[in-house]
Amino acid sequence: MLSGRLYRIITGTLQGIVNAVDFGMLPEQLVRQPYINCLTRDQGLEVEFGISGDTLRLLEQMGHRPVLVPVDKAMSTMLNSVMYVDGEYHAAGTQRVDGCGGALLSTGHIILDGIYQE
């Protein structure tokens, strides 16, 4: 059986991809967006603070049961992202935990929070 955290990773990754592809967000923007998550129908649709009231109403009209995550809480979705756009690396990590986003390149160089280091 897979843990709930794994499914949050999948939904967080999918939301990050959608934000990058459909809305043109770079890592610095997309890792800081609020998340929506649903593990089971009984649990409802977990919605973090920052999702608009209009969106919540549309979800309810489509038959979903939004469950608001308190403003001082966050789901365990911890997305990190690295992109190579127009000759530049962009990396960002979630601010939900200590640390930063980064990548180790095959050349041995590293990128931390968008800064390329030799």
C-alpha atoms as a PDB file:
ATOM      1  CA  MET A   1       0.000   0.000   0.000  1.00  0.00           C
ATOM      2  CA  LEU A   2       1.263   3.460  -0.837  1.00  0.00           C
ATOM      3  CA  SER A   3       1.370   6.193   1.755  1.00  0.00           C
ATOM      4  CA  GLY A   4      -0.673   9.386   1.484  1.00  0.00           C
ATOM      5  CA  ARG A   5       2.525  11.380   1.086  1.00  0.00           C
ATOM      6  CA  LEU A   6       3.354   9.625  -2.180  1.00  0.00           C
ATOM      7  CA  TYR A   7       0.006  10.619  -3.669  1.00  0.00           C
ATOM      8  CA  ARG A   8       0.562  14.206  -2.572  1.00  0.00           C
ATOM      9  CA  ILE A   9       3.882  14.116  -4.409  1.00  0.00           C
ATOM     10  CA  ILE A  10       2.093  13.005  -7.568  1.00  0.00           C
ATOM     11  CA  THR A  11      -0.634  15.655  -7.318  1.00  0.00           C
ATOM     12  CA  GLY A  12       1.898  18.360  -6.394  1.00  0.00           C
ATOM     13  CA  THR A  13       4.104  17.419  -9.347  1.00  0.00           C
ATOM     14  CA  LEU A  14       1.121  17.460 -11.696  1.00  0.00           C
ATOM     15  CA  GLN A  15       0.052  20.902 -10.453  1.00  0.00           C
ATOM     16  CA  GLY A  16       3.617  22.154 -10.923  1.00  0.00           C
ATOM     17  CA  ILE A  17       3.683  20.866 -14.513  1.00  0.00           C
ATOM     18  CA  VAL A  18       0.298  22.459 -15.263  1.00  0.00           C
ATOM     19  CA  ASN A  19       1.464  25.782 -13.794  1.00  0.00           C
ATOM     20  CA  ALA A  20       4.621  25.667 -15.943  1.00  0.00           C
ATOM     21  CA  VAL A  21       3.038  24.506 -19.210  1.00  0.00           C
ATOM     22  CA  ASP A  22      -0.383  26.186 -19.106  1.00  0.00           C
ATOM     23  CA  PHE A  23       0.491  29.361 -17.189  1.00  0.00           C
ATOM     24  CA  GLY A  24       4.165  29.867 -18.092  1.00  0.00           C
ATOM     25  CA  MET A  25       5.360  29.924 -14.480  1.00  0.00           C
ATOM     26  CA  LEU A  26       9.025  29.477 -13.636  1.00  0.00           C
ATOM     27  CA  PRO A  27      10.070  27.411 -10.595  1.00  0.00           C
ATOM     28  CA  GLU A  28      10.218  30.448  -8.307  1.00  0.00           C
ATOM     29  CA  GLN A  29       6.503  31.019  -8.948  1.00  0.00           C
ATOM     30  CA  LEU A  30       5.107  27.522  -9.237  1.00  0.00           C
ATOM     31  CA  VAL A  31       6.569  26.099  -5.996  1.00  0.00           C
ATOM     32  CA  ARG A  32       4.846  28.848  -4.003  1.00  0.00           C
ATOM     33  CA  GLN A  33       1.299  28.241  -5.259  1.00  0.00           C
ATOM     34  CA  PRO A  34      -1.414  26.806  -2.990  1.00  0.00           C
ATOM     35  CA  TYR A  35      -2.294  23.160  -3.617  1.00  0.00           C
ATOM     36  CA  ILE A  36      -5.424  21.093  -4.087  1.00  0.00           C
ATOM     37  CA  ASN A  37      -5.333  17.408  -3.172  1.00  0.00           C
ATOM     38  CA  CYS A  38      -7.764  14.492  -3.031  1.00  0.00           C
ATOM     39  CA  LEU A  39      -6.728  11.082  -1.749  1.00  0.00           C
ATOM     40  CA  THR A  40     -10.209   9.595  -1.261  1.00  0.00           C
ATOM     41  CA  ARG A  41     -13.779  10.669  -1.993  1.00  0.00           C
ATOM     42  CA  ASP A  42     -14.640  10.447   1.721  1.00  0.00           C
ATOM     43  CA  GLN A  43     -11.760  12.741   2.616  1.00  0.00           C
ATOM     44  CA  GLY A  44     -13.009  15.455   0.281  1.00  0.00           C
ATOM     45  CA  LEU A  45     -10.930  17.802  -1.801  1.00  0.00           C
ATOM     46  CA  GLU A  46      -8.246  19.355   0.427  1.00  0.00           C
ATOM     47  CA  VAL A  47      -7.751  22.991  -0.555  1.00  0.00           C
ATOM     48  CA  GLU A  48      -5.005  25.217   0.815  1.00  0.00           C
ATOM     49  CA  PHE A  49      -5.472  28.872   1.689  1.00  0.00           C
ATOM     50  CA  GLY A  50      -5.099  31.000  -1.433  1.00  0.00           C
ATOM     51  CA  ILE A  51      -7.467  29.125  -3.749  1.00  0.00           C
ATOM     52  CA  SER A  52     -10.115  31.679  -4.789  1.00  0.00           C
ATOM     53  CA  GLY A  53     -13.732  31.558  -3.665  1.00  0.00           C
ATOM     54  CA  ASP A  54     -14.794  31.449  -7.332  1.00  0.00           C
ATOM     55  CA  THR A  55     -12.729  28.302  -7.826  1.00  0.00           C
ATOM     56  CA  LEU A  56     -14.224  26.731  -4.689  1.00  0.00           C
ATOM     57  CA  ARG A  57     -17.755  27.450  -5.944  1.00  0.00           C
ATOM     58  CA  LEU A  58     -16.955  25.942  -9.369  1.00  0.00           C
ATOM     59  CA  LEU A  59     -15.567  22.816  -7.711  1.00  0.00           C
ATOM     60  CA  GLU A  60     -18.720  22.488  -5.591  1.00  0.00           C
ATOM     61  CA  GLN A  61     -20.899  22.897  -8.702  1.00  0.00           C
ATOM     62  CA  MET A  62     -18.955  20.015 -10.275  1.00  0.00           C
ATOM     63  CA  GLY A  63     -19.812  17.803  -7.285  1.00  0.00           C
ATOM     64  CA  HIS A  64     -16.632  18.149  -5.237  1.00  0.00           C
ATOM     65  CA  ARG A  65     -16.617  18.703  -1.482  1.00  0.00           C
ATOM     66  CA  PRO A  66     -13.817  21.206  -0.747  1.00  0.00           C
ATOM     67  CA  VAL A  67     -12.250  20.875   2.697  1.00  0.00           C
ATOM     68  CA  LEU A  68     -10.360  24.043   3.582  1.00  0.00           C
ATOM     69  CA  VAL A  69      -6.925  23.535   5.121  1.00  0.00           C
ATOM     70  CA  PRO A  70      -6.507  26.142   7.921  1.00  0.00           C
ATOM     71  CA  VAL A  71      -4.477  29.194   6.935  1.00  0.00           C
ATOM     72  CA  ASP A  72      -1.713  28.320   9.414  1.00  0.00           C
ATOM     73  CA  LYS A  73      -1.375  24.767   8.056  1.00  0.00           C
ATOM     74  CA  ALA A  74      -0.005  23.381   4.810  1.00  0.00           C
ATOM     75  CA  MET A  75      -0.343  19.992   3.198  1.00  0.00           C
ATOM     76  CA  SER A  76       2.767  17.848   2.948  1.00  0.00           C
ATOM     77  CA  THR A  77       3.175  18.737  -0.728  1.00  0.00           C
ATOM     78  CA  MET A  78       6.776  19.911  -1.029  1.00  0.00           C
ATOM     79  CA  LEU A  79       7.479  20.614  -4.661  1.00  0.00           C
ATOM     80  CA  ASN A  80      10.946  21.468  -5.965  1.00  0.00           C
ATOM     81  CA  SER A  81      11.622  22.405  -9.562  1.00  0.00           C
ATOM     82  CA  VAL A  82      14.507  22.916 -11.971  1.00  0.00           C
ATOM     83  CA  MET A  83      14.052  24.227 -15.527  1.00  0.00           C
ATOM     84  CA  TYR A  84      16.382  25.178 -18.346  1.00  0.00           C
ATOM     85  CA  VAL A  85      14.782  28.097 -20.220  1.00  0.00           C
ATOM     86  CA  ASP A  86      16.396  30.268 -22.884  1.00  0.00           C
ATOM     87  CA  GLY A  87      19.921  29.228 -21.918  1.00  0.00           C
ATOM     88  CA  GLU A  88      19.428  29.783 -18.188  1.00  0.00           C
ATOM     89  CA  TYR A  89      18.769  27.401 -15.328  1.00  0.00           C
ATOM     90  CA  HIS A  90      15.970  28.199 -12.919  1.00  0.00           C
ATOM     91  CA  ALA A  91      15.643  26.245  -9.676  1.00  0.00           C
ATOM     92  CA  ALA A  92      13.477  26.736  -6.637  1.00  0.00           C
ATOM     93  CA  GLY A  93      12.481  24.723  -3.608  1.00  0.00           C
ATOM     94  CA  THR A  94       9.435  24.832  -1.448  1.00  0.00           C
ATOM     95  CA  GLN A  95       9.546  27.218   1.472  1.00  0.00           C
ATOM     96  CA  ARG A  96       7.568  24.705   3.531  1.00  0.00           C
ATOM     97  CA  VAL A  97      10.819  23.201   4.840  1.00  0.00           C
ATOM     98  CA  ASP A  98      14.413  24.356   5.224  1.00  0.00           C
ATOM     99  CA  GLY A  99      16.608  24.037   2.156  1.00  0.00           C
ATOM    100  CA  CYS A 100      16.404  25.064  -1.460  1.00  0.00           C
ATOM    101  CA  GLY A 101      15.848  23.673  -4.935  1.00  0.00           C
ATOM    102  CA  GLY A 102      18.838  22.561  -6.912  1.00  0.00           C
ATOM    103  CA  ALA A 103      20.340  20.193  -9.419  1.00  0.00           C
ATOM    104  CA  LEU A 104      23.658  18.449  -9.989  1.00  0.00           C
ATOM    105  CA  LEU A 105      24.634  18.534 -13.662  1.00  0.00           C
ATOM    106  CA  SER A 106      26.525  15.788 -15.500  1.00  0.00           C
ATOM    107  CA  THR A 107      29.426  18.277 -15.794  1.00  0.00           C
ATOM    108  CA  GLY A 108      29.761  18.287 -12.003  1.00  0.00           C
ATOM    109  CA  HIS A 109      28.414  21.833 -11.675  1.00  0.00           C
ATOM    110  CA  ILE A 110      25.519  22.626  -9.357  1.00  0.00           C
ATOM    111  CA  ILE A 111      22.546  24.952  -9.465  1.00  0.00           C
ATOM    112  CA  LEU A 112      21.020  26.145  -6.188  1.00  0.00           C
ATOM    113  CA  ASP A 113      17.897  28.300  -6.185  1.00  0.00           C
ATOM    114  CA  GLY A 114      18.624  29.422  -9.740  1.00  0.00           C
ATOM    115  CA  ILE A 115      22.333  30.198  -9.205  1.00  0.00           C
ATOM    116  CA  TYR A 116      24.780  28.267 -11.392  1.00  0.00           C
ATOM    117  CA  GLN A 117      27.969  27.360  -9.547  1.00  0.00           C
ATOM    118  CA  GLU A 118      31.107  25.826 -11.024  1.00  0.00           C
END
